[in-house]
Amino acid sequence: MNQPQPALALAANPAPPGDRETTRLLKLWTELTQRAASAAAHRSSDEESLRILQLQVEEALADRLTDPDVVMAELWVWEATLLHVAETPPETCLICRKARLGLPADLPLPTDLGGAR
């Protein structure tokens, strides 16, 4: 597969087997990151508090991972795929809708969407 994998796929890799807390923190980080990107794009007042929570989870992850620099670098690259400029409300924003559904931001849409030719 040529498409980048969502950060949730990383949840299985850096955590030792049976380390549910690290897996939970990785999932929480991805959820907060998606919400923070949406808040930033759509000028929500929640952006700052979401970023603070995201940084707190990053610190907790750094304490638990053997090589946090490598993992966090991958997560930050994934985070960059979520950054967007909103031209629509979050309810109809394609990037935000994909994030809510847990789909990769770069997932292509079918070409026949949009009506008649």
N, C-alpha and C. Protein backbone atom coordinates (compact mmCIF):
# COMPACT_ATOMS: atom_id res chain seq x y z
N MET A 1 0.84 -1.17 0.00
CA MET A 1 0.00 0.00 0.00
C MET A 1 0.89 1.23 0.00
N ASN A 2 0.64 2.19 -0.89
CA ASN A 2 1.47 3.37 -1.03
C ASN A 2 1.02 4.52 -0.15
N GLN A 3 -0.19 4.46 0.41
CA GLN A 3 -0.69 5.55 1.22
C GLN A 3 -0.11 5.47 2.63
N PRO A 4 0.15 6.65 3.25
CA PRO A 4 0.62 6.63 4.63
C PRO A 4 -0.45 6.03 5.53
N GLN A 5 0.00 5.31 6.52
CA GLN A 5 -0.93 4.69 7.45
C GLN A 5 -1.33 5.68 8.52
N PRO A 6 -2.57 5.60 8.99
CA PRO A 6 -2.97 6.50 10.07
C PRO A 6 -2.16 6.22 11.33
N ALA A 7 -2.07 7.21 12.18
CA ALA A 7 -1.29 7.07 13.41
C ALA A 7 -1.80 5.94 14.28
N LEU A 8 -3.05 5.60 14.16
CA LEU A 8 -3.57 4.50 14.97
C LEU A 8 -2.85 3.20 14.65
N ALA A 9 -2.33 3.07 13.44
CA ALA A 9 -1.58 1.87 13.08
C ALA A 9 -0.30 1.77 13.90
N LEU A 10 0.22 2.91 14.34
CA LEU A 10 1.43 2.91 15.16
C LEU A 10 1.16 2.33 16.55
N ALA A 11 -0.10 2.32 16.94
CA ALA A 11 -0.43 1.87 18.29
C ALA A 11 0.06 0.44 18.54
N ALA A 12 0.11 -0.38 17.51
CA ALA A 12 0.54 -1.77 17.68
C ALA A 12 2.07 -1.89 17.67
N ASN A 13 2.77 -0.96 17.04
CA ASN A 13 4.21 -1.11 16.86
C ASN A 13 5.08 -0.69 18.04
N PRO A 14 4.97 0.54 18.58
CA PRO A 14 5.95 0.94 19.58
C PRO A 14 5.70 0.39 20.98
N ALA A 15 4.51 -0.04 21.25
CA ALA A 15 4.20 -0.51 22.60
C ALA A 15 4.56 -1.98 22.74
N PRO A 16 5.21 -2.31 23.82
CA PRO A 16 5.50 -3.73 24.06
C PRO A 16 4.19 -4.52 24.15
N PRO A 17 4.21 -5.80 23.81
CA PRO A 17 2.99 -6.60 23.87
C PRO A 17 2.37 -6.51 25.26
N GLY A 18 1.08 -6.29 25.28
CA GLY A 18 0.37 -6.22 26.54
C GLY A 18 0.43 -4.86 27.23
N ASP A 19 1.08 -3.87 26.62
CA ASP A 19 1.17 -2.55 27.22
C ASP A 19 -0.05 -1.73 26.81
N ARG A 20 -1.13 -2.00 27.48
CA ARG A 20 -2.40 -1.34 27.14
C ARG A 20 -2.37 0.15 27.39
N GLU A 21 -1.62 0.59 28.39
CA GLU A 21 -1.58 2.01 28.71
C GLU A 21 -0.93 2.81 27.58
N THR A 22 0.15 2.32 27.02
CA THR A 22 0.79 3.01 25.90
C THR A 22 -0.13 3.02 24.69
N THR A 23 -0.78 1.91 24.42
CA THR A 23 -1.73 1.85 23.31
C THR A 23 -2.87 2.84 23.53
N ARG A 24 -3.36 2.91 24.76
CA ARG A 24 -4.44 3.85 25.08
C ARG A 24 -3.97 5.29 24.89
N LEU A 25 -2.74 5.59 25.31
CA LEU A 25 -2.21 6.94 25.15
C LEU A 25 -2.03 7.30 23.67
N LEU A 26 -1.58 6.35 22.86
CA LEU A 26 -1.43 6.61 21.43
C LEU A 26 -2.79 6.90 20.78
N LYS A 27 -3.78 6.13 21.16
CA LYS A 27 -5.13 6.36 20.62
C LYS A 27 -5.67 7.72 21.07
N LEU A 28 -5.47 8.04 22.34
CA LEU A 28 -5.90 9.33 22.86
C LEU A 28 -5.20 10.47 22.14
N TRP A 29 -3.89 10.31 21.90
CA TRP A 29 -3.14 11.35 21.19
C TRP A 29 -3.72 11.58 19.80
N THR A 30 -4.02 10.51 19.08
CA THR A 30 -4.55 10.68 17.72
C THR A 30 -5.92 11.36 17.75
N GLU A 31 -6.74 11.00 18.71
CA GLU A 31 -8.07 11.63 18.81
C GLU A 31 -7.94 13.12 19.13
N LEU A 32 -7.08 13.45 20.09
CA LEU A 32 -6.87 14.86 20.44
C LEU A 32 -6.29 15.63 19.26
N THR A 33 -5.38 15.01 18.54
CA THR A 33 -4.74 15.67 17.40
C THR A 33 -5.76 15.96 16.30
N GLN A 34 -6.62 15.01 16.03
CA GLN A 34 -7.67 15.23 15.03
C GLN A 34 -8.60 16.36 15.45
N ARG A 35 -8.98 16.36 16.71
CA ARG A 35 -9.87 17.41 17.21
C ARG A 35 -9.19 18.77 17.22
N ALA A 36 -7.90 18.80 17.57
CA ALA A 36 -7.16 20.07 17.59
C ALA A 36 -6.99 20.63 16.18
N ALA A 37 -6.72 19.76 15.21
CA ALA A 37 -6.58 20.22 13.81
C ALA A 37 -7.90 20.79 13.31
N SER A 38 -8.99 20.13 13.64
CA SER A 38 -10.31 20.63 13.26
C SER A 38 -10.61 21.96 13.94
N ALA A 39 -10.29 22.06 15.23
CA ALA A 39 -10.53 23.29 15.97
C ALA A 39 -9.71 24.45 15.38
N ALA A 40 -8.47 24.17 14.99
CA ALA A 40 -7.63 25.21 14.41
C ALA A 40 -8.18 25.66 13.06
N ALA A 41 -8.60 24.71 12.24
CA ALA A 41 -9.10 25.05 10.91
C ALA A 41 -10.42 25.79 10.95
N HIS A 42 -11.21 25.48 11.94
CA HIS A 42 -12.56 26.04 12.01
C HIS A 42 -12.70 27.09 13.10
N ARG A 43 -11.56 27.57 13.59
CA ARG A 43 -11.50 28.66 14.55
C ARG A 43 -12.38 28.42 15.79
N SER A 44 -12.20 27.25 16.37
CA SER A 44 -12.94 26.90 17.57
C SER A 44 -12.19 27.40 18.80
N SER A 45 -12.93 27.77 19.81
CA SER A 45 -12.30 28.23 21.05
C SER A 45 -11.66 27.06 21.83
N ASP A 46 -11.91 25.84 21.39
CA ASP A 46 -11.36 24.65 22.05
C ASP A 46 -9.91 24.37 21.65
N GLU A 47 -9.40 25.06 20.63
CA GLU A 47 -8.08 24.71 20.10
C GLU A 47 -6.99 24.73 21.17
N GLU A 48 -6.90 25.78 21.95
CA GLU A 48 -5.82 25.88 22.93
C GLU A 48 -5.89 24.76 23.98
N SER A 49 -7.07 24.49 24.50
CA SER A 49 -7.18 23.44 25.52
C SER A 49 -6.88 22.07 24.92
N LEU A 50 -7.27 21.84 23.67
CA LEU A 50 -6.95 20.57 23.02
C LEU A 50 -5.45 20.41 22.81
N ARG A 51 -4.78 21.48 22.42
CA ARG A 51 -3.32 21.43 22.24
C ARG A 51 -2.61 21.16 23.56
N ILE A 52 -3.09 21.77 24.64
CA ILE A 52 -2.49 21.54 25.96
C ILE A 52 -2.64 20.06 26.34
N LEU A 53 -3.82 19.51 26.14
CA LEU A 53 -4.05 18.09 26.43
C LEU A 53 -3.16 17.21 25.56
N GLN A 54 -3.04 17.57 24.29
CA GLN A 54 -2.20 16.81 23.36
C GLN A 54 -0.75 16.79 23.85
N LEU A 55 -0.23 17.93 24.28
CA LEU A 55 1.14 18.00 24.79
C LEU A 55 1.32 17.18 26.06
N GLN A 56 0.31 17.16 26.92
CA GLN A 56 0.39 16.35 28.13
C GLN A 56 0.47 14.86 27.79
N VAL A 57 -0.31 14.44 26.79
CA VAL A 57 -0.28 13.04 26.37
C VAL A 57 1.07 12.73 25.73
N GLU A 58 1.63 13.67 24.95
CA GLU A 58 2.96 13.47 24.36
C GLU A 58 4.00 13.25 25.45
N GLU A 59 3.93 14.02 26.53
CA GLU A 59 4.88 13.84 27.63
C GLU A 59 4.72 12.47 28.27
N ALA A 60 3.49 12.04 28.47
CA ALA A 60 3.25 10.72 29.06
C ALA A 60 3.77 9.62 28.13
N LEU A 61 3.58 9.79 26.83
CA LEU A 61 4.09 8.81 25.86
C LEU A 61 5.61 8.77 25.89
N ALA A 62 6.24 9.94 25.93
CA ALA A 62 7.71 10.00 25.94
C ALA A 62 8.27 9.26 27.15
N ASP A 63 7.55 9.30 28.26
CA ASP A 63 8.00 8.60 29.47
C ASP A 63 7.87 7.08 29.33
N ARG A 64 6.95 6.62 28.50
CA ARG A 64 6.66 5.18 28.39
C ARG A 64 7.39 4.49 27.25
N LEU A 65 7.75 5.23 26.20
CA LEU A 65 8.34 4.62 25.00
C LEU A 65 9.86 4.48 25.14
N THR A 66 10.40 3.43 24.53
CA THR A 66 11.85 3.21 24.56
C THR A 66 12.58 4.24 23.72
N ASP A 67 12.04 4.54 22.55
CA ASP A 67 12.65 5.52 21.65
C ASP A 67 11.59 6.54 21.24
N PRO A 68 11.26 7.47 22.13
CA PRO A 68 10.16 8.39 21.85
C PRO A 68 10.41 9.32 20.67
N ASP A 69 11.68 9.65 20.39
CA ASP A 69 11.96 10.58 19.29
C ASP A 69 11.50 10.01 17.95
N VAL A 70 11.74 8.74 17.72
CA VAL A 70 11.35 8.12 16.45
C VAL A 70 9.83 8.06 16.33
N VAL A 71 9.18 7.61 17.39
CA VAL A 71 7.72 7.47 17.36
C VAL A 71 7.06 8.83 17.23
N MET A 72 7.50 9.80 18.02
CA MET A 72 6.88 11.12 17.97
C MET A 72 7.11 11.78 16.61
N ALA A 73 8.26 11.56 16.00
CA ALA A 73 8.51 12.12 14.67
C ALA A 73 7.49 11.57 13.67
N GLU A 74 7.20 10.27 13.75
CA GLU A 74 6.20 9.68 12.86
C GLU A 74 4.81 10.26 13.14
N LEU A 75 4.50 10.43 14.40
CA LEU A 75 3.19 10.99 14.75
C LEU A 75 3.06 12.43 14.28
N TRP A 76 4.12 13.20 14.38
CA TRP A 76 4.07 14.59 13.92
C TRP A 76 3.92 14.68 12.41
N VAL A 77 4.56 13.77 11.70
CA VAL A 77 4.38 13.73 10.23
C VAL A 77 2.93 13.44 9.91
N TRP A 78 2.35 12.48 10.62
CA TRP A 78 0.93 12.16 10.41
C TRP A 78 0.05 13.36 10.76
N GLU A 79 0.40 14.05 11.84
CA GLU A 79 -0.37 15.23 12.25
C GLU A 79 -0.40 16.28 11.15
N ALA A 80 0.70 16.44 10.44
CA ALA A 80 0.78 17.43 9.37
C ALA A 80 -0.24 17.14 8.26
N THR A 81 -0.63 15.88 8.09
CA THR A 81 -1.61 15.56 7.04
C THR A 81 -3.00 16.04 7.42
N LEU A 82 -3.21 16.40 8.69
CA LEU A 82 -4.53 16.85 9.14
C LEU A 82 -4.72 18.36 9.02
N LEU A 83 -3.62 19.09 8.87
CA LEU A 83 -3.72 20.54 8.81
C LEU A 83 -4.42 20.95 7.52
N HIS A 84 -5.38 21.85 7.66
CA HIS A 84 -6.13 22.30 6.50
C HIS A 84 -6.74 23.66 6.74
N VAL A 85 -7.13 24.29 5.67
CA VAL A 85 -7.82 25.57 5.74
C VAL A 85 -9.29 25.28 5.50
N ALA A 86 -10.10 25.67 6.42
CA ALA A 86 -11.53 25.36 6.32
C ALA A 86 -12.25 26.35 5.42
N GLU A 87 -12.96 25.81 4.47
CA GLU A 87 -13.82 26.63 3.62
C GLU A 87 -15.28 26.30 3.86
N THR A 88 -15.51 25.34 4.73
CA THR A 88 -16.86 24.91 5.08
C THR A 88 -16.93 24.69 6.58
N PRO A 89 -18.13 24.57 7.13
CA PRO A 89 -18.23 24.25 8.56
C PRO A 89 -17.68 22.85 8.85
N PRO A 90 -17.29 22.57 10.10
CA PRO A 90 -16.70 21.27 10.41
C PRO A 90 -17.63 20.10 10.09
N GLU A 91 -18.93 20.31 10.14
CA GLU A 91 -19.88 19.23 9.86
C GLU A 91 -19.79 18.75 8.41
N THR A 92 -19.43 19.65 7.50
CA THR A 92 -19.34 19.28 6.09
C THR A 92 -17.92 19.27 5.56
N CYS A 93 -16.95 19.58 6.41
CA CYS A 93 -15.54 19.57 6.01
C CYS A 93 -15.09 18.12 5.78
N LEU A 94 -14.60 17.83 4.60
CA LEU A 94 -14.23 16.48 4.24
C LEU A 94 -13.13 15.92 5.14
N ILE A 95 -12.12 16.71 5.43
CA ILE A 95 -11.02 16.24 6.27
C ILE A 95 -11.53 15.92 7.68
N CYS A 96 -12.38 16.78 8.22
CA CYS A 96 -12.92 16.54 9.56
C CYS A 96 -13.85 15.34 9.58
N ARG A 97 -14.64 15.17 8.53
CA ARG A 97 -15.53 14.01 8.46
C ARG A 97 -14.73 12.72 8.37
N LYS A 98 -13.66 12.71 7.57
CA LYS A 98 -12.81 11.52 7.49
C LYS A 98 -12.20 11.21 8.86
N ALA A 99 -11.77 12.23 9.58
CA ALA A 99 -11.17 12.02 10.90
C ALA A 99 -12.20 11.43 11.86
N ARG A 100 -13.43 11.95 11.83
CA ARG A 100 -14.46 11.41 12.73
C ARG A 100 -14.76 9.95 12.42
N LEU A 101 -14.63 9.57 11.15
CA LEU A 101 -14.89 8.18 10.76
C LEU A 101 -13.67 7.29 10.91
N GLY A 102 -12.52 7.88 11.24
CA GLY A 102 -11.30 7.10 11.41
C GLY A 102 -10.66 6.73 10.08
N LEU A 103 -10.96 7.48 9.03
CA LEU A 103 -10.39 7.21 7.71
C LEU A 103 -9.13 8.04 7.50
N PRO A 104 -8.17 7.56 6.71
CA PRO A 104 -6.97 8.36 6.43
C PRO A 104 -7.34 9.65 5.70
N ALA A 105 -6.69 10.75 6.04
CA ALA A 105 -6.98 12.04 5.42
C ALA A 105 -6.74 12.02 3.92
N ASP A 106 -5.80 11.18 3.46
CA ASP A 106 -5.48 11.15 2.03
C ASP A 106 -6.27 10.09 1.26
N LEU A 107 -7.28 9.52 1.89
CA LEU A 107 -8.11 8.52 1.22
C LEU A 107 -8.81 9.16 0.02
N PRO A 108 -8.59 8.65 -1.20
CA PRO A 108 -9.22 9.26 -2.36
C PRO A 108 -10.72 8.97 -2.39
N LEU A 109 -11.46 9.90 -2.96
CA LEU A 109 -12.89 9.71 -3.11
C LEU A 109 -13.20 9.08 -4.46
N PRO A 110 -14.32 8.37 -4.57
CA PRO A 110 -14.70 7.83 -5.88
C PRO A 110 -14.87 8.97 -6.88
N THR A 111 -14.45 8.75 -8.11
CA THR A 111 -14.48 9.81 -9.11
C THR A 111 -15.89 10.09 -9.62
N ASP A 112 -16.82 9.18 -9.39
CA ASP A 112 -18.17 9.43 -9.90
C ASP A 112 -19.06 10.18 -8.92
N LEU A 113 -18.51 10.69 -7.82
CA LEU A 113 -19.29 11.52 -6.90
C LEU A 113 -19.53 12.88 -7.52
N GLY A 114 -20.67 13.44 -7.21
CA GLY A 114 -20.91 14.81 -7.64
C GLY A 114 -22.00 14.95 -8.68
N GLY A 115 -22.64 13.90 -9.10
CA GLY A 115 -23.78 14.05 -9.99
C GLY A 115 -23.49 13.64 -11.43
N ALA A 116 -24.33 14.13 -12.30
CA ALA A 116 -24.28 13.76 -13.72
C ALA A 116 -23.07 14.34 -14.41
N ARG A 117 -22.68 13.71 -15.51
CA ARG A 117 -21.56 14.19 -16.30
C ARG A 117 -22.02 15.08 -17.41
